Amino acid sequence: MEPIRTFESRTVVLPFTNIDTDQIIPARFLTTTTKEGLGHKAFADWRYDAAGAPKSDFVLNSPEAQDCSVLVAGRNFGCGSSREHAPWALLDFGFRAVISTEIADIFRSNSLKNGLLPIVVDEQSHQWLLQNPGANVRIDLEATTVHLPNGQSVKFPIEGFARYCLLNGIDELGFLLQREDAIAAYERAHA
């Protein structure tokens, strides 16, 4: 995992509420155990027509969406079934963070474990982001703050252990492996 500390990006806005994991990555693409290539499948039913051609009116197909690493979504993003493929697809597409007023618990947990930063903001800040697509934001995980171009700084909550892992670019297994010597010493002492 790539560490997250501070980064800047323009935003892409998907203002719809209740975007579920089947919309993020349709079930027919869940047969893979690898993350590579899933970005092409992200929002596949919204991005492509029946022949597989990109729909020109879908925001992620627009030139303005290229190289954006922050997705601003409507309320209750990532609801539905638990599938780790959803954050995998968003990461492979190029997103590093998702901002909403509400992010589903299981999706949030899967995101944090895979290096995608789920950010919950207040309603007023969210409305500003929805109304200003393409805004350049700076996300500071160390300070748990989103800096908006209008000068506003918005704090966001994140669980301490997840924050530590993201800042250091490790997952839970990586965290345990860093403590392998201490674990072995404990096991020897308590054999």
Protein backbone atom coordinates (compact mmCIF):
# COMPACT_ATOMS: atom_id res chain seq x y z
CA MET A 1 0.00 0.00 0.00
CA GLU A 2 1.13 3.51 -0.73
CA PRO A 3 1.30 5.71 2.38
CA ILE A 4 -1.19 8.57 2.56
CA ARG A 5 -0.11 11.76 4.26
CA THR A 6 -1.07 14.89 2.31
CA PHE A 7 -2.16 15.08 -1.31
CA GLU A 8 -4.01 17.46 -3.63
CA SER A 9 -6.48 16.63 -6.35
CA ARG A 10 -9.41 17.93 -8.30
CA THR A 11 -12.72 16.28 -7.39
CA VAL A 12 -15.12 14.20 -9.44
CA VAL A 13 -18.73 14.41 -8.29
CA LEU A 14 -21.27 11.56 -8.31
CA PRO A 15 -24.12 13.21 -6.40
CA PHE A 16 -26.40 10.17 -6.22
CA THR A 17 -27.47 8.77 -2.83
CA ASN A 18 -27.28 5.09 -1.95
CA ILE A 19 -24.58 4.15 -4.48
CA ASP A 20 -24.17 0.50 -3.60
CA THR A 21 -21.24 -1.83 -4.10
CA ASP A 22 -22.95 -3.55 -7.06
CA GLN A 23 -23.01 -0.21 -8.86
CA ILE A 24 -19.37 0.44 -7.93
CA ILE A 25 -18.30 -2.99 -9.24
CA PRO A 26 -21.01 -5.23 -10.73
CA ALA A 27 -21.13 -8.80 -9.40
CA ARG A 28 -20.13 -10.32 -12.75
CA PHE A 29 -16.62 -8.93 -12.24
CA LEU A 30 -16.08 -10.53 -8.82
CA THR A 31 -14.45 -13.68 -10.17
CA THR A 32 -10.94 -12.24 -9.96
CA THR A 33 -8.69 -12.31 -6.92
CA THR A 34 -6.39 -9.63 -8.29
CA LYS A 35 -6.85 -5.89 -8.08
CA GLU A 36 -5.29 -5.03 -11.43
CA GLY A 37 -7.72 -4.02 -14.15
CA LEU A 38 -10.71 -3.51 -11.88
CA GLY A 39 -10.61 0.25 -12.44
CA HIS A 40 -11.83 -0.36 -15.97
CA LYS A 41 -14.83 -2.17 -14.47
CA ALA A 42 -15.67 0.51 -11.88
CA PHE A 43 -19.23 1.76 -12.44
CA ALA A 44 -19.29 -0.39 -15.61
CA ASP A 45 -23.08 -0.32 -15.99
CA TRP A 46 -23.04 3.48 -15.80
CA ARG A 47 -19.88 4.05 -17.85
CA TYR A 48 -20.48 1.79 -20.86
CA ASP A 49 -23.37 1.10 -23.21
CA ALA A 50 -24.57 -2.39 -24.18
CA ALA A 51 -21.87 -2.63 -26.87
CA GLY A 52 -19.14 -1.71 -24.38
CA ALA A 53 -18.55 1.79 -25.69
CA PRO A 54 -18.03 4.59 -23.13
CA LYS A 55 -21.09 6.75 -22.52
CA SER A 56 -20.06 10.33 -23.26
CA ASP A 57 -22.51 11.78 -20.73
CA PHE A 58 -21.14 9.86 -17.71
CA VAL A 59 -18.84 12.01 -15.56
CA LEU A 60 -16.05 9.44 -15.16
CA ASN A 61 -15.71 9.29 -18.95
CA SER A 62 -15.21 13.04 -19.26
CA PRO A 63 -11.78 14.58 -19.82
CA GLU A 64 -12.28 16.60 -16.60
CA ALA A 65 -12.36 13.37 -14.57
CA GLN A 66 -8.95 12.21 -15.75
CA ASP A 67 -6.26 12.25 -13.08
CA CYS A 68 -8.74 13.11 -10.31
CA SER A 69 -8.07 11.12 -7.16
CA VAL A 70 -10.96 12.36 -5.00
CA LEU A 71 -14.52 11.15 -5.55
CA VAL A 72 -17.31 13.21 -3.96
CA ALA A 73 -20.41 11.03 -3.65
CA GLY A 74 -23.94 11.37 -2.34
CA ARG A 75 -25.10 10.16 1.05
CA ASN A 76 -24.80 6.46 2.00
CA PHE A 77 -21.98 5.63 -0.41
CA GLY A 78 -20.88 1.99 -0.57
CA CYS A 79 -24.04 0.48 0.88
CA GLY A 80 -25.16 -3.02 -0.07
CA SER A 81 -23.18 -6.21 0.03
CA SER A 82 -19.69 -6.57 1.40
CA ARG A 83 -17.20 -6.81 -1.42
CA GLU A 84 -13.58 -5.90 -1.17
CA HIS A 85 -13.57 -5.52 -4.94
CA ALA A 86 -15.39 -2.16 -4.60
CA PRO A 87 -12.48 -0.25 -3.02
CA TRP A 88 -10.08 -2.23 -5.23
CA ALA A 89 -11.91 -0.94 -8.32
CA LEU A 90 -11.89 2.65 -7.09
CA LEU A 91 -8.19 2.48 -6.24
CA ASP A 92 -7.33 0.92 -9.59
CA PHE A 93 -9.34 3.68 -11.31
CA GLY A 94 -7.07 6.17 -9.55
CA PHE A 95 -9.08 7.36 -6.56
CA ARG A 96 -7.30 7.76 -3.22
CA ALA A 97 -10.26 9.16 -1.26
CA VAL A 98 -14.06 9.21 -1.25
CA ILE A 99 -15.91 12.08 0.42
CA SER A 100 -19.55 11.95 1.51
CA THR A 101 -21.78 12.76 4.46
CA GLU A 102 -22.30 9.05 5.07
CA ILE A 103 -20.24 6.02 4.03
CA ALA A 104 -21.49 2.49 4.69
CA ASP A 105 -19.65 0.75 7.54
CA ILE A 106 -18.49 -2.37 5.70
CA PHE A 107 -17.36 -0.38 2.67
CA ARG A 108 -15.50 2.03 4.97
CA SER A 109 -13.77 -0.88 6.72
CA ASN A 110 -12.78 -2.52 3.42
CA SER A 111 -11.52 0.82 2.12
CA LEU A 112 -9.35 1.51 5.13
CA LYS A 113 -7.82 -1.98 4.94
CA ASN A 114 -6.90 -1.46 1.29
CA GLY A 115 -5.59 2.11 1.23
CA LEU A 116 -8.67 4.06 0.10
CA LEU A 117 -9.45 6.94 2.46
CA PRO A 118 -13.19 7.27 3.25
CA ILE A 119 -13.91 10.80 4.46
CA VAL A 120 -17.16 11.84 6.14
CA VAL A 121 -17.82 15.59 6.20
CA ASP A 122 -20.63 17.80 7.47
CA GLU A 123 -23.63 18.60 5.27
CA GLN A 124 -22.61 22.20 4.50
CA SER A 125 -19.12 21.23 3.31
CA HIS A 126 -20.57 18.34 1.34
CA GLN A 127 -23.04 20.62 -0.41
CA TRP A 128 -20.21 22.98 -1.35
CA LEU A 129 -18.24 20.08 -2.84
CA LEU A 130 -21.28 18.79 -4.74
CA GLN A 131 -21.92 22.24 -6.19
CA ASN A 132 -18.29 22.77 -7.21
CA PRO A 133 -17.19 19.73 -9.22
CA GLY A 134 -13.55 19.83 -10.21
CA ALA A 135 -12.61 21.83 -7.11
CA ASN A 136 -8.98 21.42 -6.12
CA VAL A 137 -8.84 20.05 -2.56
CA ARG A 138 -5.94 19.20 -0.28
CA ILE A 139 -6.36 16.21 2.00
CA ASP A 140 -4.16 16.05 5.07
CA LEU A 141 -4.47 12.70 6.84
CA GLU A 142 -1.96 13.68 9.51
CA ALA A 143 -4.22 16.59 10.53
CA THR A 144 -7.43 14.74 9.50
CA THR A 145 -8.48 17.77 7.48
CA VAL A 146 -9.80 18.52 4.00
CA HIS A 147 -8.79 21.98 2.78
CA LEU A 148 -11.24 23.51 0.31
CA PRO A 149 -10.26 26.19 -2.22
CA ASN A 150 -12.67 28.64 -0.57
CA GLY A 151 -10.33 28.71 2.45
CA GLN A 152 -12.44 26.40 4.60
CA SER A 153 -10.76 23.54 6.48
CA VAL A 154 -12.98 20.59 7.33
CA LYS A 155 -12.03 18.06 10.00
CA PHE A 156 -12.98 14.43 9.45
CA PRO A 157 -13.06 11.46 11.83
CA ILE A 158 -10.93 8.36 11.39
CA GLU A 159 -10.15 5.52 13.77
CA GLY A 160 -6.60 5.76 15.17
CA PHE A 161 -5.29 2.35 14.11
CA ALA A 162 -6.61 2.76 10.55
CA ARG A 163 -5.02 6.22 10.39
CA TYR A 164 -1.68 4.80 11.58
CA CYS A 165 -1.78 2.07 8.92
CA LEU A 166 -2.67 4.50 6.12
CA LEU A 167 0.01 6.98 7.16
CA ASN A 168 2.58 4.17 7.11
CA GLY A 169 1.32 2.37 4.00
CA ILE A 170 0.69 -0.93 5.76
CA ASP A 171 -2.29 -3.18 6.21
CA GLU A 172 -3.16 -5.17 9.35
CA LEU A 173 -0.87 -8.04 8.37
CA GLY A 174 1.98 -5.63 7.71
CA PHE A 175 1.42 -4.12 11.15
CA LEU A 176 1.69 -7.57 12.77
CA LEU A 177 4.76 -8.51 10.74
CA GLN A 178 6.50 -5.36 12.00
CA ARG A 179 6.06 -6.79 15.49
CA GLU A 180 7.19 -10.32 14.69
CA ASP A 181 10.17 -10.22 17.09
CA ALA A 182 8.03 -8.97 19.98
CA ILE A 183 5.38 -11.60 19.25
CA ALA A 184 8.00 -14.37 19.16
CA ALA A 185 9.51 -13.12 22.45
CA TYR A 186 6.06 -13.12 24.07
CA GLU A 187 5.37 -16.65 22.83
CA ARG A 188 8.74 -17.89 24.18
CA ALA A 189 8.05 -16.26 27.56
CA HIS A 190 4.56 -17.78 27.76
CA ALA A 191 5.25 -21.23 26.31
